[in-house]
All heavy atoms as atom14 arrays in JSON, in Angstrom:
{
  "sequence": "KLGGQIRYASPVARLQLHQGRVSGAILENGETLDCAALVFNGDTA",
  "atom14_mask": [
    [1, 1, 1, 1, 1, 1, 1, 1, 1, 0, 0, 0, 0, 0],
    [1, 1, 1, 1, 1, 1, 1, 1, 0, 0, 0, 0, 0, 0],
    [1, 1, 1, 1, 0, 0, 0, 0, 0, 0, 0, 0, 0, 0],
    [1, 1, 1, 1, 0, 0, 0, 0, 0, 0, 0, 0, 0, 0],
    [1, 1, 1, 1, 1, 1, 1, 1, 1, 0, 0, 0, 0, 0],
    [1, 1, 1, 1, 1, 1, 1, 1, 0, 0, 0, 0, 0, 0],
    [1, 1, 1, 1, 1, 1, 1, 1, 1, 1, 1, 0, 0, 0],
    [1, 1, 1, 1, 1, 1, 1, 1, 1, 1, 1, 1, 0, 0],
    [1, 1, 1, 1, 1, 0, 0, 0, 0, 0, 0, 0, 0, 0],
    [1, 1, 1, 1, 1, 1, 0, 0, 0, 0, 0, 0, 0, 0],
    [1, 1, 1, 1, 1, 1, 1, 0, 0, 0, 0, 0, 0, 0],
    [1, 1, 1, 1, 1, 1, 1, 0, 0, 0, 0, 0, 0, 0],
    [1, 1, 1, 1, 1, 0, 0, 0, 0, 0, 0, 0, 0, 0],
    [1, 1, 1, 1, 1, 1, 1, 1, 1, 1, 1, 0, 0, 0],
    [1, 1, 1, 1, 1, 1, 1, 1, 0, 0, 0, 0, 0, 0],
    [1, 1, 1, 1, 1, 1, 1, 1, 1, 0, 0, 0, 0, 0],
    [1, 1, 1, 1, 1, 1, 1, 1, 0, 0, 0, 0, 0, 0],
    [1, 1, 1, 1, 1, 1, 1, 1, 1, 1, 0, 0, 0, 0],
    [1, 1, 1, 1, 1, 1, 1, 1, 1, 0, 0, 0, 0, 0],
    [1, 1, 1, 1, 0, 0, 0, 0, 0, 0, 0, 0, 0, 0],
    [1, 1, 1, 1, 1, 1, 1, 1, 1, 1, 1, 0, 0, 0],
    [1, 1, 1, 1, 1, 1, 1, 0, 0, 0, 0, 0, 0, 0],
    [1, 1, 1, 1, 1, 1, 0, 0, 0, 0, 0, 0, 0, 0],
    [1, 1, 1, 1, 0, 0, 0, 0, 0, 0, 0, 0, 0, 0],
    [1, 1, 1, 1, 1, 0, 0, 0, 0, 0, 0, 0, 0, 0],
    [1, 1, 1, 1, 1, 1, 1, 1, 0, 0, 0, 0, 0, 0],
    [1, 1, 1, 1, 1, 1, 1, 1, 0, 0, 0, 0, 0, 0],
    [1, 1, 1, 1, 1, 1, 1, 1, 1, 0, 0, 0, 0, 0],
    [1, 1, 1, 1, 1, 1, 1, 1, 0, 0, 0, 0, 0, 0],
    [1, 1, 1, 1, 0, 0, 0, 0, 0, 0, 0, 0, 0, 0],
    [1, 1, 1, 1, 1, 1, 1, 1, 1, 0, 0, 0, 0, 0],
    [1, 1, 1, 1, 1, 1, 1, 0, 0, 0, 0, 0, 0, 0],
    [1, 1, 1, 1, 1, 1, 1, 1, 0, 0, 0, 0, 0, 0],
    [1, 1, 1, 1, 1, 1, 1, 1, 0, 0, 0, 0, 0, 0],
    [1, 1, 1, 1, 1, 1, 0, 0, 0, 0, 0, 0, 0, 0],
    [1, 1, 1, 1, 1, 0, 0, 0, 0, 0, 0, 0, 0, 0],
    [1, 1, 1, 1, 1, 0, 0, 0, 0, 0, 0, 0, 0, 0],
    [1, 1, 1, 1, 1, 1, 1, 1, 0, 0, 0, 0, 0, 0],
    [1, 1, 1, 1, 1, 1, 1, 0, 0, 0, 0, 0, 0, 0],
    [1, 1, 1, 1, 1, 1, 1, 1, 1, 1, 1, 0, 0, 0],
    [1, 1, 1, 1, 1, 1, 1, 1, 0, 0, 0, 0, 0, 0],
    [1, 1, 1, 1, 0, 0, 0, 0, 0, 0, 0, 0, 0, 0],
    [1, 1, 1, 1, 1, 1, 1, 1, 0, 0, 0, 0, 0, 0],
    [1, 1, 1, 1, 1, 1, 1, 0, 0, 0, 0, 0, 0, 0],
    [1, 1, 1, 1, 1, 0, 0, 0, 0, 0, 0, 0, 0, 0]
  ],
  "atom14_positions": [
    [[0.83, -1.23, -0.05], [-0.04, -0.02, 0.04], [0.78, 1.33, -0.01], [0.5, 2.3, -0.63], [-0.89, -0.02, 1.25], [-1.86, 1.17, 1.35], [-2.7, 1.1, 2.51], [-3.67, 2.29, 2.69], [-4.42, 2.26, 3.94], [0.0, 0.0, 0.0], [0.0, 0.0, 0.0], [0.0, 0.0, 0.0], [0.0, 0.0, 0.0], [0.0, 0.0, 0.0]],
    [[1.99, 1.2, 0.62], [3.0, 2.31, 0.74], [3.94, 2.45, -0.49], [4.79, 3.2, -0.48], [3.77, 2.26, 1.97], [2.87, 2.38, 3.34], [3.75, 2.13, 4.55], [2.23, 3.83, 3.34], [0.0, 0.0, 0.0], [0.0, 0.0, 0.0], [0.0, 0.0, 0.0], [0.0, 0.0, 0.0], [0.0, 0.0, 0.0], [0.0, 0.0, 0.0]],
    [[3.69, 1.51, -1.42], [4.46, 1.52, -2.72], [5.61, 0.57, -2.75], [6.32, 0.55, -3.69], [0.0, 0.0, 0.0], [0.0, 0.0, 0.0], [0.0, 0.0, 0.0], [0.0, 0.0, 0.0], [0.0, 0.0, 0.0], [0.0, 0.0, 0.0], [0.0, 0.0, 0.0], [0.0, 0.0, 0.0], [0.0, 0.0, 0.0], [0.0, 0.0, 0.0]],
    [[5.82, -0.28, -1.71], [6.88, -1.24, -1.82], [6.58, -2.43, -2.62], [5.33, -2.68, -2.87], [0.0, 0.0, 0.0], [0.0, 0.0, 0.0], [0.0, 0.0, 0.0], [0.0, 0.0, 0.0], [0.0, 0.0, 0.0], [0.0, 0.0, 0.0], [0.0, 0.0, 0.0], [0.0, 0.0, 0.0], [0.0, 0.0, 0.0], [0.0, 0.0, 0.0]],
    [[7.49, -3.17, -3.0], [7.35, -4.33, -3.72], [7.91, -5.58, -2.9], [9.02, -5.44, -2.25], [8.07, -4.28, -5.11], [7.43, -3.22, -6.06], [8.26, -3.13, -7.35], [9.27, -3.65, -7.4], [7.54, -2.43, -8.21], [0.0, 0.0, 0.0], [0.0, 0.0, 0.0], [0.0, 0.0, 0.0], [0.0, 0.0, 0.0], [0.0, 0.0, 0.0]],
    [[7.38, -6.74, -3.08], [7.82, -7.98, -2.45], [8.16, -8.98, -3.55], [7.32, -9.17, -4.41], [6.76, -8.53, -1.51], [6.52, -7.46, -0.42], [7.32, -9.88, -0.91], [5.39, -7.85, 0.57], [0.0, 0.0, 0.0], [0.0, 0.0, 0.0], [0.0, 0.0, 0.0], [0.0, 0.0, 0.0], [0.0, 0.0, 0.0], [0.0, 0.0, 0.0]],
    [[9.32, -9.59, -3.44], [9.7, -10.73, -4.32], [9.91, -11.95, -3.49], [10.65, -12.02, -2.51], [11.16, -10.34, -4.95], [11.03, -9.33, -6.03], [10.55, -9.69, -7.42], [11.33, -10.78, -7.99], [12.18, -10.6, -8.96], [12.46, -9.27, -9.28], [12.93, -11.63, -9.37], [0.0, 0.0, 0.0], [0.0, 0.0, 0.0], [0.0, 0.0, 0.0]],
    [[9.12, -12.93, -3.83], [9.21, -14.26, -3.14], [10.0, -15.21, -4.07], [10.14, -14.95, -5.17], [7.78, -14.82, -2.87], [6.91, -13.94, -2.06], [6.0, -13.09, -2.56], [7.06, -14.0, -0.7], [5.1, -12.35, -1.68], [6.32, -13.28, 0.2], [5.34, -12.44, -0.33], [4.53, -11.67, 0.53], [0.0, 0.0, 0.0], [0.0, 0.0, 0.0]],
    [[10.57, -16.17, -3.43], [11.34, -17.23, -4.12], [12.36, -16.68, -4.95], [12.61, -17.12, -6.1], [10.26, -18.19, -4.97], [0.0, 0.0, 0.0], [0.0, 0.0, 0.0], [0.0, 0.0, 0.0], [0.0, 0.0, 0.0], [0.0, 0.0, 0.0], [0.0, 0.0, 0.0], [0.0, 0.0, 0.0], [0.0, 0.0, 0.0], [0.0, 0.0, 0.0]],
    [[13.07, -15.75, -4.43], [14.22, -14.96, -5.14], [15.38, -14.92, -4.22], [15.62, -13.85, -3.67], [13.72, -13.61, -5.5], [12.56, -13.62, -6.26], [0.0, 0.0, 0.0], [0.0, 0.0, 0.0], [0.0, 0.0, 0.0], [0.0, 0.0, 0.0], [0.0, 0.0, 0.0], [0.0, 0.0, 0.0], [0.0, 0.0, 0.0], [0.0, 0.0, 0.0]],
    [[16.09, -16.02, -4.07], [17.42, -15.97, -3.19], [18.24, -14.98, -3.51], [18.68, -14.76, -4.67], [17.89, -17.51, -3.43], [16.77, -18.25, -4.09], [15.95, -17.27, -4.81], [0.0, 0.0, 0.0], [0.0, 0.0, 0.0], [0.0, 0.0, 0.0], [0.0, 0.0, 0.0], [0.0, 0.0, 0.0], [0.0, 0.0, 0.0], [0.0, 0.0, 0.0]],
    [[18.64, -14.26, -2.42], [19.58, -13.2, -2.51], [21.02, -13.68, -2.4], [21.35, -14.35, -1.38], [19.32, -11.98, -1.54], [20.37, -10.91, -1.65], [17.91, -11.48, -1.8], [0.0, 0.0, 0.0], [0.0, 0.0, 0.0], [0.0, 0.0, 0.0], [0.0, 0.0, 0.0], [0.0, 0.0, 0.0], [0.0, 0.0, 0.0], [0.0, 0.0, 0.0]],
    [[21.98, -13.31, -3.29], [23.41, -13.68, -3.13], [24.13, -12.65, -2.33], [24.91, -13.02, -1.44], [23.99, -13.81, -4.48], [0.0, 0.0, 0.0], [0.0, 0.0, 0.0], [0.0, 0.0, 0.0], [0.0, 0.0, 0.0], [0.0, 0.0, 0.0], [0.0, 0.0, 0.0], [0.0, 0.0, 0.0], [0.0, 0.0, 0.0], [0.0, 0.0, 0.0]],
    [[23.85, -11.37, -2.56], [24.38, -10.3, -1.77], [23.63, -8.96, -1.87], [22.89, -8.8, -2.88], [25.94, -10.21, -2.06], [26.16, -9.55, -3.53], [27.71, -9.5, -3.67], [27.96, -8.92, -5.04], [28.12, -7.62, -5.31], [28.07, -6.77, -4.26], [28.34, -7.2, -6.45], [0.0, 0.0, 0.0], [0.0, 0.0, 0.0], [0.0, 0.0, 0.0]],
    [[23.89, -8.11, -0.9], [23.37, -6.78, -1.0], [24.48, -5.88, -1.48], [25.57, -6.05, -1.22], [22.79, -6.39, 0.41], [21.8, -7.25, 1.06], [21.48, -6.78, 2.47], [20.56, -7.37, 0.17], [0.0, 0.0, 0.0], [0.0, 0.0, 0.0], [0.0, 0.0, 0.0], [0.0, 0.0, 0.0], [0.0, 0.0, 0.0], [0.0, 0.0, 0.0]],
    [[24.0, -4.8, -2.16], [24.99, -3.8, -2.61], [24.72, -2.49, -1.91], [23.56, -2.16, -1.61], [24.96, -3.6, -4.07], [23.68, -3.18, -4.69], [23.74, -3.22, -6.25], [24.27, -4.04, -6.86], [23.15, -2.15, -6.88], [0.0, 0.0, 0.0], [0.0, 0.0, 0.0], [0.0, 0.0, 0.0], [0.0, 0.0, 0.0], [0.0, 0.0, 0.0]],
    [[25.78, -1.75, -1.65], [25.74, -0.44, -0.98], [26.11, 0.62, -1.92], [26.83, 0.54, -2.83], [26.64, -0.4, 0.15], [26.44, -1.38, 1.33], [27.38, -1.2, 2.39], [25.04, -1.22, 1.94], [0.0, 0.0, 0.0], [0.0, 0.0, 0.0], [0.0, 0.0, 0.0], [0.0, 0.0, 0.0], [0.0, 0.0, 0.0], [0.0, 0.0, 0.0]],
    [[25.53, 1.86, -1.67], [25.98, 3.11, -2.36], [25.94, 4.15, -1.38], [25.0, 4.47, -0.74], [25.01, 3.46, -3.51], [25.39, 4.72, -4.22], [26.5, 4.75, -5.01], [24.78, 5.89, -4.24], [26.52, 6.03, -5.46], [25.61, 6.71, -4.98], [0.0, 0.0, 0.0], [0.0, 0.0, 0.0], [0.0, 0.0, 0.0], [0.0, 0.0, 0.0]],
    [[27.04, 4.77, -1.1], [27.28, 5.81, -0.16], [26.78, 5.37, 1.21], [26.04, 6.15, 1.96], [26.58, 7.13, -0.57], [27.2, 7.67, -1.79], [26.45, 8.96, -2.23], [25.37, 9.32, -1.87], [27.15, 9.78, -3.13], [0.0, 0.0, 0.0], [0.0, 0.0, 0.0], [0.0, 0.0, 0.0], [0.0, 0.0, 0.0], [0.0, 0.0, 0.0]],
    [[27.11, 4.15, 1.71], [26.82, 3.69, 2.94], [25.35, 3.19, 3.16], [25.07, 2.79, 4.3], [0.0, 0.0, 0.0], [0.0, 0.0, 0.0], [0.0, 0.0, 0.0], [0.0, 0.0, 0.0], [0.0, 0.0, 0.0], [0.0, 0.0, 0.0], [0.0, 0.0, 0.0], [0.0, 0.0, 0.0], [0.0, 0.0, 0.0], [0.0, 0.0, 0.0]],
    [[24.59, 3.13, 2.14], [23.21, 2.61, 2.27], [22.9, 1.54, 1.24], [23.48, 1.51, 0.24], [22.2, 3.7, 1.97], [22.26, 4.94, 2.99], [21.19, 6.03, 2.59], [19.87, 5.51, 2.42], [18.91, 5.31, 3.43], [19.27, 5.64, 4.68], [17.75, 4.84, 3.15], [0.0, 0.0, 0.0], [0.0, 0.0, 0.0], [0.0, 0.0, 0.0]],
    [[22.04, 0.54, 1.63], [21.66, -0.48, 0.66], [21.04, 0.17, -0.48], [20.07, 0.97, -0.28], [20.72, -1.5, 1.48], [20.21, -2.55, 0.43], [21.49, -2.19, 2.54], [0.0, 0.0, 0.0], [0.0, 0.0, 0.0], [0.0, 0.0, 0.0], [0.0, 0.0, 0.0], [0.0, 0.0, 0.0], [0.0, 0.0, 0.0], [0.0, 0.0, 0.0]],
    [[21.54, -0.26, -1.65], [20.92, 0.38, -2.85], [20.4, -0.73, -3.67], [19.82, -0.49, -4.85], [22.02, 1.14, -3.57], [23.13, 0.29, -3.93], [0.0, 0.0, 0.0], [0.0, 0.0, 0.0], [0.0, 0.0, 0.0], [0.0, 0.0, 0.0], [0.0, 0.0, 0.0], [0.0, 0.0, 0.0], [0.0, 0.0, 0.0], [0.0, 0.0, 0.0]],
    [[20.57, -2.04, -3.35], [19.96, -2.99, -4.18], [20.32, -4.43, -3.62], [21.11, -4.58, -2.68], [0.0, 0.0, 0.0], [0.0, 0.0, 0.0], [0.0, 0.0, 0.0], [0.0, 0.0, 0.0], [0.0, 0.0, 0.0], [0.0, 0.0, 0.0], [0.0, 0.0, 0.0], [0.0, 0.0, 0.0], [0.0, 0.0, 0.0], [0.0, 0.0, 0.0]],
    [[19.83, -5.48, -4.31], [19.97, -6.79, -3.97], [20.36, -7.49, -5.21], [19.73, -7.35, -6.27], [18.75, -7.5, -3.36], [0.0, 0.0, 0.0], [0.0, 0.0, 0.0], [0.0, 0.0, 0.0], [0.0, 0.0, 0.0], [0.0, 0.0, 0.0], [0.0, 0.0, 0.0], [0.0, 0.0, 0.0], [0.0, 0.0, 0.0], [0.0, 0.0, 0.0]],
    [[21.45, -8.33, -5.15], [21.81, -9.12, -6.31], [21.34, -10.51, -6.02], [21.77, -11.16, -5.03], [23.36, -9.02, -6.58], [23.82, -7.57, -6.85], [23.71, -9.93, -7.69], [25.25, -7.32, -6.84], [0.0, 0.0, 0.0], [0.0, 0.0, 0.0], [0.0, 0.0, 0.0], [0.0, 0.0, 0.0], [0.0, 0.0, 0.0], [0.0, 0.0, 0.0]],
    [[20.54, -11.06, -6.87], [19.88, -12.39, -6.76], [20.92, -13.5, -7.13], [21.85, -13.21, -7.89], [18.61, -12.5, -7.53], [17.54, -11.48, -7.17], [16.27, -11.71, -7.98], [17.2, -11.44, -5.74], [0.0, 0.0, 0.0], [0.0, 0.0, 0.0], [0.0, 0.0, 0.0], [0.0, 0.0, 0.0], [0.0, 0.0, 0.0], [0.0, 0.0, 0.0]],
    [[20.63, -14.63, -6.71], [21.57, -15.71, -7.05], [21.56, -16.03, -8.56], [22.55, -16.47, -9.07], [21.11, -17.12, -6.35], [21.55, -17.04, -4.86], [21.07, -18.29, -4.12], [20.44, -19.3, -4.75], [21.36, -18.5, -2.96], [0.0, 0.0, 0.0], [0.0, 0.0, 0.0], [0.0, 0.0, 0.0], [0.0, 0.0, 0.0], [0.0, 0.0, 0.0]],
    [[20.53, -15.67, -9.33], [20.43, -15.78, -10.71], [21.18, -14.7, -11.44], [21.16, -14.6, -12.65], [19.01, -15.91, -11.28], [18.17, -14.7, -11.07], [18.74, -13.59, -10.82], [16.87, -14.87, -11.39], [0.0, 0.0, 0.0], [0.0, 0.0, 0.0], [0.0, 0.0, 0.0], [0.0, 0.0, 0.0], [0.0, 0.0, 0.0], [0.0, 0.0, 0.0]],
    [[21.74, -13.78, -10.74], [22.47, -12.62, -11.37], [21.69, -11.31, -11.54], [22.25, -10.25, -11.77], [0.0, 0.0, 0.0], [0.0, 0.0, 0.0], [0.0, 0.0, 0.0], [0.0, 0.0, 0.0], [0.0, 0.0, 0.0], [0.0, 0.0, 0.0], [0.0, 0.0, 0.0], [0.0, 0.0, 0.0], [0.0, 0.0, 0.0], [0.0, 0.0, 0.0]],
    [[20.39, -11.34, -11.38], [19.52, -10.26, -11.58], [19.88, -9.22, -10.46], [19.95, -9.65, -9.27], [18.07, -10.69, -11.52], [17.03, -9.48, -11.66], [15.58, -9.93, -11.69], [15.36, -11.17, -11.41], [14.74, -9.14, -11.77], [0.0, 0.0, 0.0], [0.0, 0.0, 0.0], [0.0, 0.0, 0.0], [0.0, 0.0, 0.0], [0.0, 0.0, 0.0]],
    [[19.81, -7.93, -10.69], [19.95, -6.89, -9.77], [18.67, -6.17, -9.54], [18.01, -5.79, -10.53], [21.04, -5.96, -10.2], [22.34, -6.66, -10.22], [21.26, -4.82, -9.09], [0.0, 0.0, 0.0], [0.0, 0.0, 0.0], [0.0, 0.0, 0.0], [0.0, 0.0, 0.0], [0.0, 0.0, 0.0], [0.0, 0.0, 0.0], [0.0, 0.0, 0.0]],
    [[18.26, -6.08, -8.24], [17.04, -5.3, -7.93], [17.49, -3.95, -7.28], [18.08, -4.12, -6.09], [16.18, -6.16, -6.96], [15.69, -7.5, -7.61], [14.99, -8.3, -6.47], [14.8, -7.39, -8.84], [0.0, 0.0, 0.0], [0.0, 0.0, 0.0], [0.0, 0.0, 0.0], [0.0, 0.0, 0.0], [0.0, 0.0, 0.0], [0.0, 0.0, 0.0]],
    [[17.29, -2.92, -7.81], [17.68, -1.62, -7.2], [16.57, -1.21, -6.29], [15.35, -1.55, -6.44], [17.74, -0.54, -8.34], [18.96, -0.76, -9.25], [19.94, -1.36, -8.74], [18.8, -0.45, -10.48], [0.0, 0.0, 0.0], [0.0, 0.0, 0.0], [0.0, 0.0, 0.0], [0.0, 0.0, 0.0], [0.0, 0.0, 0.0], [0.0, 0.0, 0.0]],
    [[17.02, -0.52, -5.18], [15.99, -0.04, -4.14], [16.43, 1.19, -3.5], [17.6, 1.52, -3.48], [15.69, -1.2, -3.24], [17.19, -1.55, -2.17], [0.0, 0.0, 0.0], [0.0, 0.0, 0.0], [0.0, 0.0, 0.0], [0.0, 0.0, 0.0], [0.0, 0.0, 0.0], [0.0, 0.0, 0.0], [0.0, 0.0, 0.0], [0.0, 0.0, 0.0]],
    [[15.47, 1.96, -2.96], [15.71, 3.08, -2.12], [15.91, 2.65, -0.72], [16.61, 3.29, 0.11], [14.65, 4.21, -2.28], [0.0, 0.0, 0.0], [0.0, 0.0, 0.0], [0.0, 0.0, 0.0], [0.0, 0.0, 0.0], [0.0, 0.0, 0.0], [0.0, 0.0, 0.0], [0.0, 0.0, 0.0], [0.0, 0.0, 0.0], [0.0, 0.0, 0.0]],
    [[15.23, 1.59, -0.34], [15.17, 0.95, 1.0], [14.92, -0.56, 0.82], [14.29, -0.92, -0.04], [14.12, 1.6, 1.87], [0.0, 0.0, 0.0], [0.0, 0.0, 0.0], [0.0, 0.0, 0.0], [0.0, 0.0, 0.0], [0.0, 0.0, 0.0], [0.0, 0.0, 0.0], [0.0, 0.0, 0.0], [0.0, 0.0, 0.0], [0.0, 0.0, 0.0]],
    [[15.38, -1.31, 1.8], [15.26, -2.72, 1.76], [14.85, -3.13, 3.18], [15.48, -2.78, 4.2], [16.56, -3.38, 1.3], [16.48, -4.87, 1.15], [17.08, -5.21, -0.23], [17.23, -5.48, 2.27], [0.0, 0.0, 0.0], [0.0, 0.0, 0.0], [0.0, 0.0, 0.0], [0.0, 0.0, 0.0], [0.0, 0.0, 0.0], [0.0, 0.0, 0.0]],
    [[13.82, -4.07, 3.27], [13.49, -4.66, 4.51], [14.19, -6.12, 4.48], [13.91, -6.89, 3.76], [12.02, -4.81, 4.65], [11.63, -5.61, 5.99], [11.32, -3.53, 4.69], [0.0, 0.0, 0.0], [0.0, 0.0, 0.0], [0.0, 0.0, 0.0], [0.0, 0.0, 0.0], [0.0, 0.0, 0.0], [0.0, 0.0, 0.0], [0.0, 0.0, 0.0]],
    [[15.03, -6.3, 5.59], [15.71, -7.54, 5.68], [14.97, -8.42, 6.66], [14.85, -8.1, 7.89], [17.14, -7.32, 6.18], [17.92, -8.51, 6.38], [18.42, -9.27, 5.3], [18.22, -9.06, 7.61], [19.01, -10.53, 5.46], [18.98, -10.2, 7.82], [19.35, -10.97, 6.76], [0.0, 0.0, 0.0], [0.0, 0.0, 0.0], [0.0, 0.0, 0.0]],
    [[14.4, -9.49, 6.22], [13.69, -10.39, 7.05], [14.47, -11.65, 7.34], [14.14, -12.72, 6.77], [12.23, -10.71, 6.41], [11.47, -11.63, 7.28], [11.62, -11.69, 8.53], [10.64, -12.32, 6.76], [0.0, 0.0, 0.0], [0.0, 0.0, 0.0], [0.0, 0.0, 0.0], [0.0, 0.0, 0.0], [0.0, 0.0, 0.0], [0.0, 0.0, 0.0]],
    [[15.59, -11.51, 7.98], [16.4, -12.71, 8.12], [17.2, -12.57, 9.4], [16.97, -11.6, 10.28], [0.0, 0.0, 0.0], [0.0, 0.0, 0.0], [0.0, 0.0, 0.0], [0.0, 0.0, 0.0], [0.0, 0.0, 0.0], [0.0, 0.0, 0.0], [0.0, 0.0, 0.0], [0.0, 0.0, 0.0], [0.0, 0.0, 0.0], [0.0, 0.0, 0.0]],
    [[17.99, -13.56, 9.76], [18.79, -13.57, 10.89], [19.96, -12.54, 10.68], [20.76, -12.63, 9.73], [19.35, -14.96, 11.16], [20.14, -15.04, 12.47], [20.66, -14.11, 12.99], [20.52, -16.27, 12.77], [0.0, 0.0, 0.0], [0.0, 0.0, 0.0], [0.0, 0.0, 0.0], [0.0, 0.0, 0.0], [0.0, 0.0, 0.0], [0.0, 0.0, 0.0]],
    [[20.04, -11.57, 11.64], [21.04, -10.48, 11.49], [22.49, -11.15, 11.46], [23.42, -10.45, 11.02], [20.92, -9.48, 12.6], [21.06, -10.12, 13.84], [19.62, -8.78, 12.51], [0.0, 0.0, 0.0], [0.0, 0.0, 0.0], [0.0, 0.0, 0.0], [0.0, 0.0, 0.0], [0.0, 0.0, 0.0], [0.0, 0.0, 0.0], [0.0, 0.0, 0.0]],
    [[22.58, -12.3, 11.99], [23.92, -12.94, 11.94], [24.52, -13.13, 10.55], [25.59, -13.14, 10.22], [23.96, -14.25, 12.73], [0.0, 0.0, 0.0], [0.0, 0.0, 0.0], [0.0, 0.0, 0.0], [0.0, 0.0, 0.0], [0.0, 0.0, 0.0], [0.0, 0.0, 0.0], [0.0, 0.0, 0.0], [0.0, 0.0, 0.0], [0.0, 0.0, 0.0]]
  ]
}
């Protein structure tokens, strides 16, 4: 409702940063998802 998007069944290989902030997620299949903000729903470890 607030304009966010959710991707399911899309394993993330790594997160990318730009100027100290998360700017995207690189999926295991090589696809890059750019973002202004990212919600991490995982173990902080």
